[in-house]
């Protein structure tokens, strides 16, 4: 009876984790690593590869990772070289060669745009809503101001 429950449990456990991609995913070659209050990257053996110098870091996607320094976001490569200087109020992972970035216009408004891997803004920071690119497309939106009829 206990063996039967164990087999059922292990079967369900395996199904859940493999369907979520947890078991099948490989560890990234560079892993965010914190020393004190600063973040850098280490390899899978916990050897520091990029010295902790950032306030926050993301995982590498398409060879670049977003980093936060002095309340601004930019991108570094796997050698730790700054490719896009920290200048955005938020930055996201690269998808299809483009990354979604955001700037605050004032305390309530934000604008999204997209940068390429060289840091060039390829879609201006004009969107009120934006999602990541997938298969060459991204959902974006602009909220129209409300106009009252007089």
N, C-alpha and C. Protein backbone atom coordinates (compact mmCIF):
# COMPACT_ATOMS: atom_id res chain seq x y z
N UNK A 1 0.83 -1.20 0.00
CA UNK A 1 0.00 0.00 0.00
C UNK A 1 0.87 1.26 0.00
N UNK A 2 1.90 1.35 0.83
CA UNK A 2 2.78 2.51 0.85
C UNK A 2 3.58 2.63 -0.44
N UNK A 3 3.98 1.51 -1.02
CA UNK A 3 4.71 1.52 -2.27
C UNK A 3 3.85 2.09 -3.40
N UNK A 4 2.58 1.73 -3.40
CA UNK A 4 1.66 2.24 -4.41
C UNK A 4 1.52 3.76 -4.29
N UNK A 5 1.39 4.28 -3.10
CA UNK A 5 1.28 5.73 -2.88
C UNK A 5 2.56 6.44 -3.30
N UNK A 6 3.70 5.83 -2.99
CA UNK A 6 4.98 6.42 -3.36
C UNK A 6 5.11 6.50 -4.88
N UNK A 7 4.72 5.46 -5.58
CA UNK A 7 4.79 5.45 -7.05
C UNK A 7 3.87 6.53 -7.63
N UNK A 8 2.66 6.63 -7.09
CA UNK A 8 1.71 7.66 -7.56
C UNK A 8 2.29 9.05 -7.30
N UNK A 9 2.83 9.26 -6.11
CA UNK A 9 3.41 10.56 -5.76
C UNK A 9 4.56 10.91 -6.70
N UNK A 10 5.48 9.97 -6.92
CA UNK A 10 6.62 10.23 -7.79
C UNK A 10 6.19 10.48 -9.23
N UNK A 11 5.19 9.77 -9.69
CA UNK A 11 4.67 9.98 -11.03
C UNK A 11 4.08 11.39 -11.16
N UNK A 12 3.24 11.78 -10.21
CA UNK A 12 2.65 13.13 -10.23
C UNK A 12 3.73 14.20 -10.12
N UNK A 13 4.68 14.00 -9.22
CA UNK A 13 5.78 14.95 -9.03
C UNK A 13 6.54 15.15 -10.34
N UNK A 14 6.89 14.06 -10.99
CA UNK A 14 7.62 14.13 -12.26
C UNK A 14 6.80 14.82 -13.33
N UNK A 15 5.51 14.50 -13.42
CA UNK A 15 4.66 15.12 -14.43
C UNK A 15 4.55 16.62 -14.21
N UNK A 16 4.36 17.03 -12.99
CA UNK A 16 4.21 18.46 -12.69
C UNK A 16 5.48 19.22 -13.03
N UNK A 17 6.62 18.74 -12.55
CA UNK A 17 7.85 19.49 -12.75
C UNK A 17 8.36 19.43 -14.19
N UNK A 18 8.13 18.36 -14.89
CA UNK A 18 8.57 18.34 -16.29
C UNK A 18 7.66 19.18 -17.16
N UNK A 19 6.38 19.27 -16.83
CA UNK A 19 5.48 20.10 -17.63
C UNK A 19 5.77 21.58 -17.42
N UNK A 20 6.29 21.95 -16.26
CA UNK A 20 6.65 23.34 -15.99
C UNK A 20 8.05 23.67 -16.50
N UNK A 21 8.75 22.68 -16.98
CA UNK A 21 10.09 22.93 -17.50
C UNK A 21 11.15 22.98 -16.42
N UNK A 22 10.82 22.69 -15.19
CA UNK A 22 11.77 22.83 -14.10
C UNK A 22 12.86 21.76 -14.18
N UNK A 23 12.47 20.53 -14.46
CA UNK A 23 13.45 19.46 -14.49
C UNK A 23 14.28 19.52 -15.77
N UNK A 24 13.66 19.87 -16.88
CA UNK A 24 14.35 19.80 -18.17
C UNK A 24 15.24 21.02 -18.44
N UNK A 25 15.07 22.12 -17.73
CA UNK A 25 15.88 23.31 -17.98
C UNK A 25 17.30 23.12 -17.46
N UNK A 26 18.25 23.63 -18.22
CA UNK A 26 19.63 23.61 -17.79
C UNK A 26 19.91 24.89 -17.02
N UNK A 27 20.88 24.81 -16.12
CA UNK A 27 21.31 26.00 -15.42
C UNK A 27 21.97 26.95 -16.41
N UNK A 28 21.74 28.24 -16.26
CA UNK A 28 22.44 29.18 -17.15
C UNK A 28 23.93 29.15 -16.84
N UNK A 29 24.75 29.55 -17.82
CA UNK A 29 26.20 29.53 -17.61
C UNK A 29 26.63 30.58 -16.59
N UNK A 30 25.92 31.71 -16.54
CA UNK A 30 26.20 32.74 -15.54
C UNK A 30 24.96 32.94 -14.68
N UNK A 31 25.18 32.91 -13.37
CA UNK A 31 24.09 32.98 -12.42
C UNK A 31 24.24 34.23 -11.57
N UNK A 32 23.15 35.00 -11.38
CA UNK A 32 23.25 36.16 -10.49
C UNK A 32 23.76 35.75 -9.11
N UNK A 33 24.66 36.57 -8.58
CA UNK A 33 25.34 36.23 -7.33
C UNK A 33 25.50 37.51 -6.50
N UNK A 34 25.12 37.46 -5.25
CA UNK A 34 25.17 38.66 -4.40
C UNK A 34 26.27 38.52 -3.37
N UNK A 35 27.02 39.61 -3.21
CA UNK A 35 28.00 39.73 -2.14
C UNK A 35 27.66 41.03 -1.41
N UNK A 36 27.24 40.92 -0.16
CA UNK A 36 26.79 42.10 0.57
C UNK A 36 25.54 42.66 -0.09
N UNK A 37 25.59 43.91 -0.48
CA UNK A 37 24.45 44.56 -1.12
C UNK A 37 24.57 44.63 -2.64
N UNK A 38 25.65 44.13 -3.19
CA UNK A 38 25.89 44.25 -4.63
C UNK A 38 25.77 42.90 -5.32
N UNK A 39 25.37 42.97 -6.60
CA UNK A 39 25.16 41.78 -7.41
C UNK A 39 26.16 41.72 -8.54
N UNK A 40 26.56 40.49 -8.87
CA UNK A 40 27.40 40.20 -10.02
C UNK A 40 26.97 38.84 -10.55
N UNK A 41 27.91 38.11 -11.13
CA UNK A 41 27.58 36.79 -11.68
C UNK A 41 28.67 35.79 -11.35
N UNK A 42 28.24 34.56 -11.11
CA UNK A 42 29.18 33.47 -10.90
C UNK A 42 28.84 32.36 -11.89
N UNK A 43 29.77 31.41 -12.02
CA UNK A 43 29.48 30.25 -12.86
C UNK A 43 28.83 29.17 -12.01
N UNK A 44 28.59 28.02 -12.58
CA UNK A 44 27.89 26.95 -11.85
C UNK A 44 28.72 26.38 -10.71
N UNK A 45 30.02 26.70 -10.67
CA UNK A 45 30.88 26.27 -9.56
C UNK A 45 31.02 27.35 -8.49
N UNK A 46 30.22 28.40 -8.58
CA UNK A 46 30.21 29.54 -7.67
C UNK A 46 31.50 30.37 -7.75
N UNK A 47 32.20 30.28 -8.88
CA UNK A 47 33.36 31.13 -9.12
C UNK A 47 32.85 32.45 -9.68
N UNK A 48 33.21 33.55 -9.06
CA UNK A 48 32.75 34.86 -9.53
C UNK A 48 33.39 35.17 -10.88
N UNK A 49 32.53 35.44 -11.86
CA UNK A 49 32.96 35.74 -13.22
C UNK A 49 32.84 37.24 -13.49
N UNK A 50 31.77 37.85 -13.03
CA UNK A 50 31.56 39.30 -13.14
C UNK A 50 31.42 39.83 -11.72
N UNK A 51 32.35 40.68 -11.33
CA UNK A 51 32.40 41.18 -9.96
C UNK A 51 31.09 41.86 -9.55
N UNK A 52 30.63 41.63 -8.32
CA UNK A 52 29.42 42.30 -7.83
C UNK A 52 29.62 43.81 -7.77
N UNK A 53 28.86 44.52 -8.59
CA UNK A 53 28.97 45.98 -8.65
C UNK A 53 27.62 46.63 -8.88
N UNK A 54 26.56 45.82 -8.98
CA UNK A 54 25.25 46.33 -9.39
C UNK A 54 24.23 46.21 -8.26
N UNK A 55 23.23 47.09 -8.31
CA UNK A 55 22.16 47.07 -7.31
C UNK A 55 21.19 45.92 -7.54
N UNK A 56 20.97 45.56 -8.80
CA UNK A 56 20.13 44.43 -9.19
C UNK A 56 20.66 43.90 -10.52
N UNK A 57 20.38 42.64 -10.80
CA UNK A 57 20.76 42.06 -12.10
C UNK A 57 19.69 41.08 -12.54
N UNK A 58 19.63 40.83 -13.83
CA UNK A 58 18.72 39.83 -14.37
C UNK A 58 19.51 38.68 -14.97
N UNK A 59 18.82 37.66 -15.43
CA UNK A 59 19.48 36.55 -16.11
C UNK A 59 19.84 36.99 -17.53
N UNK A 60 20.82 36.33 -18.10
CA UNK A 60 21.21 36.63 -19.47
C UNK A 60 20.18 36.07 -20.44
N UNK A 61 19.84 36.87 -21.44
CA UNK A 61 18.96 36.43 -22.51
C UNK A 61 19.56 36.97 -23.81
N UNK A 62 19.76 36.08 -24.74
CA UNK A 62 20.35 36.44 -26.03
C UNK A 62 21.70 37.13 -25.86
N UNK A 63 22.47 36.70 -24.85
CA UNK A 63 23.83 37.20 -24.65
C UNK A 63 23.96 38.45 -23.82
N UNK A 64 22.84 39.06 -23.41
CA UNK A 64 22.89 40.27 -22.60
C UNK A 64 22.00 40.12 -21.37
N UNK A 65 22.34 40.85 -20.32
CA UNK A 65 21.52 40.87 -19.10
C UNK A 65 21.31 42.31 -18.68
N UNK A 66 20.11 42.57 -18.15
CA UNK A 66 19.87 43.92 -17.63
C UNK A 66 20.52 44.03 -16.26
N UNK A 67 21.01 45.22 -15.96
CA UNK A 67 21.59 45.51 -14.66
C UNK A 67 21.08 46.86 -14.19
N UNK A 68 21.00 47.01 -12.87
CA UNK A 68 20.56 48.29 -12.30
C UNK A 68 21.72 48.89 -11.53
N UNK A 69 22.00 50.15 -11.82
CA UNK A 69 23.06 50.88 -11.15
C UNK A 69 22.60 52.32 -10.94
N UNK A 70 22.62 52.76 -9.70
CA UNK A 70 22.19 54.12 -9.36
C UNK A 70 20.78 54.42 -9.86
N UNK A 71 19.86 53.48 -9.64
CA UNK A 71 18.45 53.60 -9.99
C UNK A 71 18.16 53.67 -11.49
N UNK A 72 19.09 53.29 -12.32
CA UNK A 72 18.86 53.25 -13.77
C UNK A 72 19.27 51.86 -14.28
N UNK A 73 18.64 51.44 -15.37
CA UNK A 73 18.88 50.13 -15.95
C UNK A 73 19.60 50.24 -17.29
N UNK A 74 20.49 49.29 -17.52
CA UNK A 74 21.19 49.16 -18.79
C UNK A 74 21.48 47.69 -19.01
N UNK A 75 22.42 47.38 -19.91
CA UNK A 75 22.70 45.99 -20.26
C UNK A 75 24.20 45.74 -20.29
N UNK A 76 24.60 44.53 -19.85
CA UNK A 76 25.98 44.09 -19.95
C UNK A 76 26.04 42.80 -20.76
N UNK A 77 27.24 42.51 -21.29
CA UNK A 77 27.42 41.23 -21.97
C UNK A 77 28.01 40.22 -21.00
N UNK A 78 28.28 39.01 -21.46
CA UNK A 78 28.75 37.94 -20.59
C UNK A 78 30.20 38.13 -20.14
N UNK A 79 30.87 39.14 -20.68
CA UNK A 79 32.22 39.49 -20.21
C UNK A 79 32.15 40.56 -19.12
N UNK A 80 30.96 41.06 -18.87
CA UNK A 80 30.79 42.12 -17.87
C UNK A 80 30.94 43.52 -18.44
N UNK A 81 31.05 43.63 -19.75
CA UNK A 81 31.19 44.93 -20.39
C UNK A 81 29.83 45.59 -20.53
N UNK A 82 29.77 46.88 -20.22
CA UNK A 82 28.51 47.61 -20.38
C UNK A 82 28.28 47.84 -21.86
N UNK A 83 27.17 47.32 -22.36
CA UNK A 83 26.80 47.47 -23.77
C UNK A 83 25.82 48.61 -23.94
N UNK A 84 24.88 48.73 -23.02
CA UNK A 84 23.92 49.84 -23.00
C UNK A 84 24.03 50.48 -21.63
N UNK A 85 24.49 51.71 -21.59
CA UNK A 85 24.71 52.36 -20.30
C UNK A 85 23.39 52.49 -19.54
N UNK A 86 23.43 52.39 -18.22
CA UNK A 86 22.20 52.53 -17.43
C UNK A 86 21.56 53.90 -17.65
N UNK A 87 20.37 53.90 -18.25
CA UNK A 87 19.68 55.15 -18.58
C UNK A 87 18.17 55.03 -18.51
N UNK A 88 17.67 53.81 -18.30
CA UNK A 88 16.24 53.57 -18.31
C UNK A 88 15.72 53.35 -16.90
N UNK A 89 14.43 53.59 -16.70
CA UNK A 89 13.82 53.38 -15.39
C UNK A 89 13.43 51.93 -15.17
N UNK A 90 13.43 51.13 -16.23
CA UNK A 90 13.20 49.70 -16.14
C UNK A 90 13.71 49.08 -17.44
N UNK A 91 14.16 47.84 -17.36
CA UNK A 91 14.60 47.13 -18.56
C UNK A 91 14.19 45.67 -18.43
N UNK A 92 13.88 45.05 -19.56
CA UNK A 92 13.44 43.65 -19.58
C UNK A 92 14.41 42.82 -20.41
N UNK A 93 14.20 41.52 -20.41
CA UNK A 93 15.03 40.59 -21.16
C UNK A 93 14.87 40.80 -22.67
N UNK A 94 15.87 40.36 -23.42
CA UNK A 94 15.79 40.39 -24.88
C UNK A 94 14.97 39.23 -25.39
N UNK A 95 14.15 39.52 -26.39
CA UNK A 95 13.34 38.54 -27.11
C UNK A 95 13.35 38.94 -28.57
N UNK A 96 13.70 38.03 -29.44
CA UNK A 96 13.77 38.32 -30.88
C UNK A 96 14.69 39.50 -31.18
N UNK A 97 15.76 39.65 -30.40
CA UNK A 97 16.73 40.71 -30.66
C UNK A 97 16.39 42.08 -30.12
N UNK A 98 15.23 42.21 -29.45
CA UNK A 98 14.82 43.49 -28.90
C UNK A 98 14.44 43.34 -27.43
N UNK A 99 14.67 44.41 -26.68
CA UNK A 99 14.29 44.42 -25.26
C UNK A 99 13.37 45.60 -24.99
N UNK A 100 12.39 45.34 -24.16
CA UNK A 100 11.44 46.37 -23.75
C UNK A 100 12.08 47.19 -22.65
N UNK A 101 12.01 48.52 -22.78
CA UNK A 101 12.52 49.44 -21.76
C UNK A 101 11.44 50.45 -21.43
N UNK A 102 11.60 51.09 -20.30
CA UNK A 102 10.57 52.01 -19.81
C UNK A 102 11.23 53.23 -19.22
N UNK A 103 10.60 54.38 -19.39
CA UNK A 103 11.00 55.61 -18.71
C UNK A 103 9.77 56.21 -18.04
N UNK A 104 10.01 56.84 -16.90
CA UNK A 104 8.93 57.55 -16.20
C UNK A 104 8.84 58.96 -16.75
N UNK A 105 7.64 59.35 -17.13
CA UNK A 105 7.41 60.70 -17.64
C UNK A 105 7.13 61.64 -16.47
N UNK A 106 6.33 61.18 -15.54
CA UNK A 106 6.08 61.89 -14.28
C UNK A 106 5.70 60.82 -13.27
N UNK A 107 5.13 61.20 -12.17
CA UNK A 107 4.85 60.22 -11.13
C UNK A 107 3.77 59.21 -11.49
N UNK A 108 2.98 59.49 -12.50
CA UNK A 108 1.90 58.56 -12.85
C UNK A 108 1.99 58.00 -14.26
N UNK A 109 2.81 58.57 -15.12
CA UNK A 109 2.86 58.12 -16.51
C UNK A 109 4.20 57.44 -16.82
N UNK A 110 4.13 56.40 -17.60
CA UNK A 110 5.33 55.71 -18.07
C UNK A 110 5.22 55.55 -19.58
N UNK A 111 6.35 55.41 -20.22
CA UNK A 111 6.38 55.17 -21.66
C UNK A 111 7.34 54.03 -21.95
N UNK A 112 6.87 53.09 -22.78
CA UNK A 112 7.66 51.94 -23.19
C UNK A 112 8.20 52.14 -24.59
N UNK A 113 9.33 51.50 -24.83
CA UNK A 113 9.91 51.43 -26.16
C UNK A 113 10.78 50.19 -26.22
N UNK A 114 11.57 50.07 -27.30
CA UNK A 114 12.40 48.89 -27.48
C UNK A 114 13.79 49.30 -27.93
N UNK A 115 14.80 48.59 -27.42
CA UNK A 115 16.18 48.81 -27.83
C UNK A 115 16.70 47.53 -28.47
N UNK A 116 17.66 47.71 -29.39
CA UNK A 116 18.33 46.53 -29.95
C UNK A 116 19.56 46.22 -29.10
N UNK A 117 20.33 45.24 -29.51
CA UNK A 117 21.47 44.79 -28.70
C UNK A 117 22.63 45.77 -28.67
N UNK A 118 22.59 46.78 -29.53
CA UNK A 118 23.63 47.82 -29.48
C UNK A 118 23.19 48.98 -28.58
N UNK A 119 21.94 48.93 -28.13
CA UNK A 119 21.42 49.99 -27.27
C UNK A 119 20.65 51.06 -28.03
N UNK A 120 20.57 50.92 -29.34
CA UNK A 120 19.83 51.89 -30.15
C UNK A 120 18.34 51.71 -29.90
N UNK A 121 17.66 52.83 -29.66
CA UNK A 121 16.21 52.79 -29.50
C UNK A 121 15.63 52.60 -30.90
N UNK A 122 15.01 51.43 -31.13
CA UNK A 122 14.47 51.12 -32.45
C UNK A 122 12.97 51.38 -32.54
N UNK A 123 12.29 51.37 -31.42
CA UNK A 123 10.89 51.79 -31.35
C UNK A 123 10.79 52.78 -30.21
N UNK A 124 10.48 54.01 -30.56
CA UNK A 124 10.52 55.11 -29.59
C UNK A 124 9.72 54.84 -28.33
N UNK A 125 10.12 55.50 -27.28
CA UNK A 125 9.47 55.37 -25.98
C UNK A 125 8.18 56.18 -26.00
N UNK A 126 7.17 55.64 -26.68
CA UNK A 126 5.89 56.34 -26.84
C UNK A 126 4.69 55.51 -26.41
N UNK A 127 4.92 54.25 -26.09
CA UNK A 127 3.81 53.34 -25.81
C UNK A 127 3.44 53.34 -24.32
N UNK A 128 2.14 53.33 -24.07
CA UNK A 128 1.64 53.27 -22.69
C UNK A 128 1.63 51.84 -22.17
N UNK A 129 1.66 50.89 -23.08
CA UNK A 129 1.62 49.48 -22.75
C UNK A 129 2.46 48.74 -23.78
N UNK A 130 3.23 47.75 -23.32
CA UNK A 130 4.03 46.97 -24.27
C UNK A 130 4.34 45.61 -23.68
N UNK A 131 4.45 44.62 -24.56
CA UNK A 131 4.85 43.27 -24.18
C UNK A 131 6.11 42.90 -24.95
N UNK A 132 6.72 41.78 -24.58
CA UNK A 132 7.93 41.31 -25.26
C UNK A 132 7.62 40.85 -26.68
N UNK A 133 8.63 40.95 -27.54
CA UNK A 133 8.50 40.44 -28.90
C UNK A 133 8.51 38.91 -28.87
N UNK A 134 7.72 38.34 -29.77
CA UNK A 134 7.71 36.89 -29.98
C UNK A 134 7.35 36.64 -31.43
N UNK A 135 8.21 35.93 -32.14
CA UNK A 135 8.02 35.66 -33.57
C UNK A 135 7.86 36.94 -34.38
N UNK A 136 8.63 37.96 -34.01
CA UNK A 136 8.62 39.20 -34.77
C UNK A 136 7.50 40.18 -34.45
N UNK A 137 6.65 39.83 -33.48
CA UNK A 137 5.53 40.71 -33.13
C UNK A 137 5.50 41.00 -31.64
N UNK A 138 4.96 42.17 -31.29
CA UNK A 138 4.76 42.52 -29.88
C UNK A 138 3.47 43.30 -29.76
N UNK A 139 2.78 43.07 -28.69
CA UNK A 139 1.55 43.81 -28.42
C UNK A 139 1.93 45.13 -27.74
N UNK A 140 1.46 46.24 -28.29
CA UNK A 140 1.71 47.56 -27.71
C UNK A 140 0.40 48.34 -27.73
N UNK A 141 0.35 49.38 -26.93
CA UNK A 141 -0.86 50.19 -26.92
C UNK A 141 -0.57 51.61 -26.47
N UNK A 142 -1.44 52.49 -26.94
CA UNK A 142 -1.38 53.89 -26.56
C UNK A 142 -2.75 54.26 -26.03
N UNK A 143 -2.78 54.82 -24.84
CA UNK A 143 -4.06 55.22 -24.25
C UNK A 143 -4.39 56.61 -24.78
N UNK A 144 -5.56 56.72 -25.37
CA UNK A 144 -5.99 58.02 -25.90
C UNK A 144 -6.50 58.87 -24.75
N UNK A 145 -6.22 60.16 -24.81
CA UNK A 145 -6.76 61.03 -23.77
C UNK A 145 -8.28 61.14 -23.90
N UNK A 146 -8.92 61.33 -22.80
CA UNK A 146 -10.37 61.50 -22.82
C UNK A 146 -10.72 62.91 -23.28
N UNK A 147 -11.58 63.00 -24.25
CA UNK A 147 -12.00 64.29 -24.78
C UNK A 147 -13.46 64.50 -24.42
N UNK A 148 -13.75 65.62 -23.79
CA UNK A 148 -15.12 65.93 -23.41
C UNK A 148 -15.74 66.83 -24.49
N UNK A 149 -16.96 66.54 -24.78
CA UNK A 149 -17.69 67.35 -25.73
C UNK A 149 -18.25 68.55 -25.00
N UNK A 150 -18.12 69.70 -25.63
CA UNK A 150 -18.65 70.94 -25.00
C UNK A 150 -19.92 71.40 -25.65
